[in-house]
Amino acid sequence: MSQHRPTSDSKRALDGSPETHTEDDAPEEEVPMPPNYLLLTIFSCFCPAYPINIVAFVFSIMSLNSFNQGDIEGSKRLGQNAKWVAIASIIIGLAVIVICVVHFTMERKS
């Protein structure tokens, strides 16, 4: 007859001795994830400013990876960089669209 042998975790749970309650067993405080602006950078990829919006997307992914590795401050910094580069990309993309529209409408009138 084989008997189930308790693992160390179940043995600790059953044992009420103070030596089993160490600080390692305490749950760590959850740090909220700083914004990485991934959706904004994906949206900026539809604007015709290709080298800039790809850089914004890379910053956003780097921010996510930095948070997963535990670097909260680096994640915040990279997220802010992603936000500003994405905004610049959207502004440049809209400017390119406006310039193209103006150029082609003026060409037809001539």
Protein backbone atom coordinates (compact mmCIF):
# COMPACT_ATOMS: atom_id res chain seq x y z
CA MET A 1 0.00 0.00 0.00
CA SER A 2 1.55 3.26 -1.08
CA GLN A 3 0.95 6.21 1.06
CA HIS A 4 1.02 9.79 -0.27
CA ARG A 5 4.00 11.54 1.13
CA PRO A 6 3.33 15.22 1.92
CA THR A 7 5.42 17.75 0.10
CA SER A 8 7.28 20.45 1.94
CA ASP A 9 4.57 23.04 1.17
CA SER A 10 1.74 20.95 2.54
CA LYS A 11 3.84 19.98 5.53
CA ARG A 12 4.52 23.67 6.23
CA ALA A 13 0.83 24.46 5.98
CA LEU A 14 -0.03 21.78 8.50
CA ASP A 15 2.79 22.70 10.84
CA GLY A 16 2.04 25.75 12.98
CA SER A 17 5.57 26.30 14.22
CA PRO A 18 6.98 29.82 13.96
CA GLU A 19 10.00 28.68 11.98
CA THR A 20 7.81 27.86 9.01
CA HIS A 21 6.50 31.43 8.78
CA THR A 22 9.43 33.24 7.26
CA GLU A 23 9.52 36.54 5.45
CA ASP A 24 10.03 34.70 2.17
CA ASP A 25 6.50 33.36 2.48
CA ALA A 26 5.04 36.88 2.66
CA PRO A 27 3.42 37.99 -0.59
CA GLU A 28 5.27 40.72 -2.44
CA GLU A 29 3.55 44.05 -2.96
CA GLU A 30 2.19 44.30 -6.48
CA VAL A 31 3.56 47.26 -8.39
CA PRO A 32 1.14 48.59 -11.01
CA MET A 33 2.46 48.46 -14.54
CA PRO A 34 3.34 51.90 -15.88
CA PRO A 35 1.72 52.77 -19.21
CA ASN A 36 3.67 51.55 -22.23
CA TYR A 37 1.37 53.23 -24.81
CA LEU A 38 1.31 50.15 -27.02
CA LEU A 39 -2.07 50.99 -28.60
CA LEU A 40 -0.96 54.55 -29.36
CA THR A 41 2.20 53.32 -31.04
CA ILE A 42 0.25 50.75 -33.07
CA PHE A 43 -2.10 53.54 -34.16
CA SER A 44 0.90 55.69 -35.12
CA CYS A 45 2.12 52.91 -37.41
CA PHE A 46 -0.76 53.77 -39.77
CA CYS A 47 0.65 57.28 -40.31
CA PRO A 48 3.09 57.81 -43.19
CA ALA A 49 6.12 58.57 -41.02
CA TYR A 50 7.62 55.12 -41.11
CA PRO A 51 11.02 55.37 -39.48
CA ILE A 52 9.64 57.40 -36.59
CA ASN A 53 6.58 55.30 -35.80
CA ILE A 54 8.62 52.10 -35.82
CA VAL A 55 10.95 53.66 -33.24
CA ALA A 56 7.91 54.49 -31.08
CA PHE A 57 6.70 50.89 -31.35
CA VAL A 58 10.15 49.58 -30.36
CA PHE A 59 10.22 51.90 -27.32
CA SER A 60 6.81 50.58 -26.29
CA ILE A 61 7.90 46.95 -26.54
CA MET A 62 11.12 47.77 -24.66
CA SER A 63 9.00 49.37 -21.92
CA LEU A 64 6.93 46.20 -21.60
CA ASN A 65 10.04 44.00 -21.48
CA SER A 66 11.67 46.29 -18.93
CA PHE A 67 8.66 45.98 -16.63
CA ASN A 68 8.68 42.20 -17.00
CA GLN A 69 12.33 42.17 -15.92
CA GLY A 70 11.51 44.24 -12.83
CA ASP A 71 12.94 47.61 -13.90
CA ILE A 72 10.03 49.90 -13.05
CA GLU A 73 11.84 53.21 -13.53
CA GLY A 74 13.23 52.11 -16.89
CA SER A 75 9.78 51.01 -17.94
CA LYS A 76 8.33 54.43 -17.05
CA ARG A 77 11.08 56.23 -18.96
CA LEU A 78 10.72 54.07 -22.05
CA GLY A 79 6.93 54.41 -21.93
CA GLN A 80 7.21 58.19 -21.89
CA ASN A 81 9.67 58.06 -24.79
CA ALA A 82 7.24 55.85 -26.72
CA LYS A 83 4.40 58.29 -26.07
CA TRP A 84 6.30 61.36 -27.27
CA VAL A 85 7.76 59.66 -30.33
CA ALA A 86 4.31 58.31 -31.26
CA ILE A 87 2.78 61.77 -30.92
CA ALA A 88 5.56 63.21 -33.10
CA SER A 89 4.95 60.45 -35.64
CA ILE A 90 1.22 61.19 -35.78
CA ILE A 91 1.85 64.92 -36.22
CA ILE A 92 4.42 64.31 -38.97
CA GLY A 93 2.12 61.79 -40.65
CA LEU A 94 -0.79 64.24 -40.65
CA ALA A 95 1.50 66.94 -42.05
CA VAL A 96 2.56 64.61 -44.87
CA ILE A 97 -1.07 63.81 -45.65
CA VAL A 98 -2.03 67.51 -45.71
CA ILE A 99 0.93 68.38 -47.94
CA CYS A 100 0.06 65.59 -50.38
CA VAL A 101 -3.61 66.61 -50.50
CA VAL A 102 -2.73 70.26 -51.09
CA HIS A 103 -0.16 69.35 -53.73
CA PHE A 104 -2.49 67.13 -55.73
CA THR A 105 -5.47 69.48 -55.51
CA MET A 106 -3.36 72.43 -56.68
CA GLU A 107 -1.97 70.34 -59.54
CA ARG A 108 -5.47 69.55 -60.87
CA LYS A 109 -6.50 73.22 -60.90
CA SER A 110 -3.56 74.24 -63.06
